[in-house]
Amino acid sequence: MRELSRLTQLDPREVWAHEAHEFTPWLLANSEHLAEVLGIDLDLQAAEHAVGGFWLDLFGRDLTNHCVLIVENQLTATDHSHLGQPVPAILPRIVPSDQARRIEGSPCGDGLPVRECPA
């Protein structure tokens, strides 16, 4: 018979006190958990990766869909300045123009190619 354990709800800050110094490195080292939840194969290559005046929490490749993968992790509520402003500025710098795809719900307007987003 399989042994079961009880799930306990925890505040993530009880496990990881600092996002950039504790949670991001843990996620990089344990990327198989993220891959399982997302249902993709991934290769995370860098943590706190500098791009165009912003820092990407995790940067790598989505091996299932053959594209760049950016992970912006956060232990607290997010806001526009944390995710909404950096993404349009970062994407054109990291996605080669020959790999740019039309993104539904793009911050630059539905269906605009990534490379056309203003920096």
C-alpha atoms as a PDB file:
ATOM      1  CA  MET A   1       0.000   0.000   0.000  1.00  0.00           C
ATOM      2  CA  ARG A   2       1.258   3.485  -0.858  1.00  0.00           C
ATOM      3  CA  GLU A   3       1.944   5.822   2.009  1.00  0.00           C
ATOM      4  CA  LEU A   4       0.266   9.234   1.804  1.00  0.00           C
ATOM      5  CA  SER A   5       1.220  12.374   3.597  1.00  0.00           C
ATOM      6  CA  ARG A   6      -0.792  15.438   4.500  1.00  0.00           C
ATOM      7  CA  LEU A   7      -0.460  18.592   2.410  1.00  0.00           C
ATOM      8  CA  THR A   8       0.229  21.703   4.419  1.00  0.00           C
ATOM      9  CA  GLN A   9      -0.321  25.213   3.148  1.00  0.00           C
ATOM     10  CA  LEU A  10       2.742  27.398   3.672  1.00  0.00           C
ATOM     11  CA  ASP A  11       3.566  30.991   3.047  1.00  0.00           C
ATOM     12  CA  PRO A  12       6.348  30.808   0.423  1.00  0.00           C
ATOM     13  CA  ARG A  13       8.248  33.467   2.382  1.00  0.00           C
ATOM     14  CA  GLU A  14       8.574  30.953   5.231  1.00  0.00           C
ATOM     15  CA  VAL A  15      10.566  28.708   2.895  1.00  0.00           C
ATOM     16  CA  TRP A  16      12.358  31.343   0.806  1.00  0.00           C
ATOM     17  CA  ALA A  17      12.932  34.639   2.624  1.00  0.00           C
ATOM     18  CA  HIS A  18      14.389  36.426  -0.421  1.00  0.00           C
ATOM     19  CA  GLU A  19      13.177  35.911  -3.978  1.00  0.00           C
ATOM     20  CA  ALA A  20      16.387  36.680  -5.894  1.00  0.00           C
ATOM     21  CA  HIS A  21      18.842  35.137  -3.410  1.00  0.00           C
ATOM     22  CA  GLU A  22      16.891  32.044  -2.376  1.00  0.00           C
ATOM     23  CA  PHE A  23      13.849  31.228  -4.529  1.00  0.00           C
ATOM     24  CA  THR A  24      15.339  31.948  -7.971  1.00  0.00           C
ATOM     25  CA  PRO A  25      18.463  29.794  -7.364  1.00  0.00           C
ATOM     26  CA  TRP A  26      16.262  27.003  -5.969  1.00  0.00           C
ATOM     27  CA  LEU A  27      14.011  27.129  -9.023  1.00  0.00           C
ATOM     28  CA  LEU A  28      17.040  27.053 -11.338  1.00  0.00           C
ATOM     29  CA  ALA A  29      18.464  24.023  -9.498  1.00  0.00           C
ATOM     30  CA  ASN A  30      15.072  22.267  -9.440  1.00  0.00           C
ATOM     31  CA  SER A  31      13.811  23.177 -12.903  1.00  0.00           C
ATOM     32  CA  GLU A  32      12.347  19.701 -13.403  1.00  0.00           C
ATOM     33  CA  HIS A  33       9.497  20.687 -11.054  1.00  0.00           C
ATOM     34  CA  LEU A  34       8.680  23.721 -13.184  1.00  0.00           C
ATOM     35  CA  ALA A  35       8.925  21.631 -16.361  1.00  0.00           C
ATOM     36  CA  GLU A  36       6.501  19.084 -14.937  1.00  0.00           C
ATOM     37  CA  VAL A  37       3.933  21.718 -13.929  1.00  0.00           C
ATOM     38  CA  LEU A  38       4.198  23.491 -17.298  1.00  0.00           C
ATOM     39  CA  GLY A  39       4.165  20.227 -19.256  1.00  0.00           C
ATOM     40  CA  ILE A  40       7.262  21.090 -21.284  1.00  0.00           C
ATOM     41  CA  ASP A  41      10.920  20.153 -21.495  1.00  0.00           C
ATOM     42  CA  LEU A  42      13.056  23.113 -20.580  1.00  0.00           C
ATOM     43  CA  ASP A  43      16.667  24.106 -20.242  1.00  0.00           C
ATOM     44  CA  LEU A  44      17.133  26.992 -17.808  1.00  0.00           C
ATOM     45  CA  GLN A  45      20.520  28.538 -18.498  1.00  0.00           C
ATOM     46  CA  ALA A  46      20.869  31.602 -16.277  1.00  0.00           C
ATOM     47  CA  ALA A  47      19.470  33.309 -13.204  1.00  0.00           C
ATOM     48  CA  GLU A  48      19.250  37.093 -12.805  1.00  0.00           C
ATOM     49  CA  HIS A  49      20.232  37.573 -16.458  1.00  0.00           C
ATOM     50  CA  ALA A  50      20.735  41.228 -17.507  1.00  0.00           C
ATOM     51  CA  VAL A  51      18.953  42.376 -20.683  1.00  0.00           C
ATOM     52  CA  GLY A  52      18.457  45.994 -21.743  1.00  0.00           C
ATOM     53  CA  GLY A  53      18.504  47.537 -18.276  1.00  0.00           C
ATOM     54  CA  PHE A  54      16.257  44.837 -16.752  1.00  0.00           C
ATOM     55  CA  TRP A  55      16.976  41.563 -15.010  1.00  0.00           C
ATOM     56  CA  LEU A  56      15.303  38.309 -16.034  1.00  0.00           C
ATOM     57  CA  ASP A  57      14.793  36.001 -13.061  1.00  0.00           C
ATOM     58  CA  LEU A  58      15.413  32.906 -15.177  1.00  0.00           C
ATOM     59  CA  PHE A  59      16.366  32.611 -18.817  1.00  0.00           C
ATOM     60  CA  GLY A  60      16.554  29.508 -20.985  1.00  0.00           C
ATOM     61  CA  ARG A  61      14.915  27.470 -23.721  1.00  0.00           C
ATOM     62  CA  ASP A  62      11.547  25.764 -24.040  1.00  0.00           C
ATOM     63  CA  LEU A  63      12.738  22.563 -25.709  1.00  0.00           C
ATOM     64  CA  THR A  64       9.215  21.339 -26.434  1.00  0.00           C
ATOM     65  CA  ASN A  65       8.192  24.401 -28.452  1.00  0.00           C
ATOM     66  CA  HIS A  66      11.716  25.372 -29.606  1.00  0.00           C
ATOM     67  CA  CYS A  67      11.696  28.921 -28.282  1.00  0.00           C
ATOM     68  CA  VAL A  68      13.162  31.277 -25.710  1.00  0.00           C
ATOM     69  CA  LEU A  69      11.815  30.852 -22.184  1.00  0.00           C
ATOM     70  CA  ILE A  70      11.719  33.638 -19.615  1.00  0.00           C
ATOM     71  CA  VAL A  71      10.570  32.961 -16.059  1.00  0.00           C
ATOM     72  CA  GLU A  72       9.576  35.926 -13.934  1.00  0.00           C
ATOM     73  CA  ASN A  73       8.997  34.410 -10.521  1.00  0.00           C
ATOM     74  CA  GLN A  74       7.538  36.308  -7.612  1.00  0.00           C
ATOM     75  CA  LEU A  75       6.650  35.398  -4.046  1.00  0.00           C
ATOM     76  CA  THR A  76       4.231  38.273  -3.546  1.00  0.00           C
ATOM     77  CA  ALA A  77       1.552  40.003  -5.613  1.00  0.00           C
ATOM     78  CA  THR A  78       2.796  41.481  -8.874  1.00  0.00           C
ATOM     79  CA  ASP A  79       2.107  44.815 -10.485  1.00  0.00           C
ATOM     80  CA  HIS A  80       2.588  46.504 -13.850  1.00  0.00           C
ATOM     81  CA  SER A  81       6.088  47.777 -13.046  1.00  0.00           C
ATOM     82  CA  HIS A  82       7.294  44.280 -12.173  1.00  0.00           C
ATOM     83  CA  LEU A  83       6.153  42.451 -15.299  1.00  0.00           C
ATOM     84  CA  GLY A  84       4.169  44.723 -17.621  1.00  0.00           C
ATOM     85  CA  GLN A  85       6.942  47.228 -18.300  1.00  0.00           C
ATOM     86  CA  PRO A  86      10.008  44.984 -18.643  1.00  0.00           C
ATOM     87  CA  VAL A  87       8.500  42.367 -20.972  1.00  0.00           C
ATOM     88  CA  PRO A  88       7.883  44.618 -24.017  1.00  0.00           C
ATOM     89  CA  ALA A  89      11.355  46.118 -23.562  1.00  0.00           C
ATOM     90  CA  ILE A  90      13.139  42.795 -23.155  1.00  0.00           C
ATOM     91  CA  LEU A  91      11.515  40.585 -25.800  1.00  0.00           C
ATOM     92  CA  PRO A  92      12.803  42.447 -28.864  1.00  0.00           C
ATOM     93  CA  ARG A  93      16.330  42.203 -27.473  1.00  0.00           C
ATOM     94  CA  ILE A  94      16.333  38.447 -26.886  1.00  0.00           C
ATOM     95  CA  VAL A  95      14.130  37.024 -29.644  1.00  0.00           C
ATOM     96  CA  PRO A  96      15.931  36.968 -32.995  1.00  0.00           C
ATOM     97  CA  SER A  97      13.841  38.559 -35.734  1.00  0.00           C
ATOM     98  CA  ASP A  98      13.718  35.281 -37.681  1.00  0.00           C
ATOM     99  CA  GLN A  99      12.163  33.593 -34.617  1.00  0.00           C
ATOM    100  CA  ALA A 100       9.704  36.363 -33.735  1.00  0.00           C
ATOM    101  CA  ARG A 101       6.154  35.084 -33.618  1.00  0.00           C
ATOM    102  CA  ARG A 102       2.854  36.855 -33.467  1.00  0.00           C
ATOM    103  CA  ILE A 103       1.699  36.955 -29.872  1.00  0.00           C
ATOM    104  CA  GLU A 104      -1.963  37.084 -28.966  1.00  0.00           C
ATOM    105  CA  GLY A 105      -2.570  39.627 -26.223  1.00  0.00           C
ATOM    106  CA  SER A 106       0.763  41.291 -26.932  1.00  0.00           C
ATOM    107  CA  PRO A 107       1.399  44.363 -24.755  1.00  0.00           C
ATOM    108  CA  CYS A 108       1.829  46.176 -28.057  1.00  0.00           C
ATOM    109  CA  GLY A 109      -1.550  45.064 -29.374  1.00  0.00           C
ATOM    110  CA  ASP A 110      -3.002  41.731 -30.448  1.00  0.00           C
ATOM    111  CA  GLY A 111      -1.077  39.946 -33.125  1.00  0.00           C
ATOM    112  CA  LEU A 112       1.889  42.316 -33.479  1.00  0.00           C
ATOM    113  CA  PRO A 113       5.213  40.598 -34.044  1.00  0.00           C
ATOM    114  CA  VAL A 114       7.458  40.694 -31.015  1.00  0.00           C
ATOM    115  CA  ARG A 115      10.142  42.637 -32.913  1.00  0.00           C
ATOM    116  CA  GLU A 116       7.719  45.521 -33.509  1.00  0.00           C
ATOM    117  CA  CYS A 117       7.125  46.205 -29.814  1.00  0.00           C
ATOM    118  CA  PRO A 118       8.622  49.527 -28.757  1.00  0.00           C
ATOM    119  CA  ALA A 119      11.658  49.255 -26.499  1.00  0.00           C
END
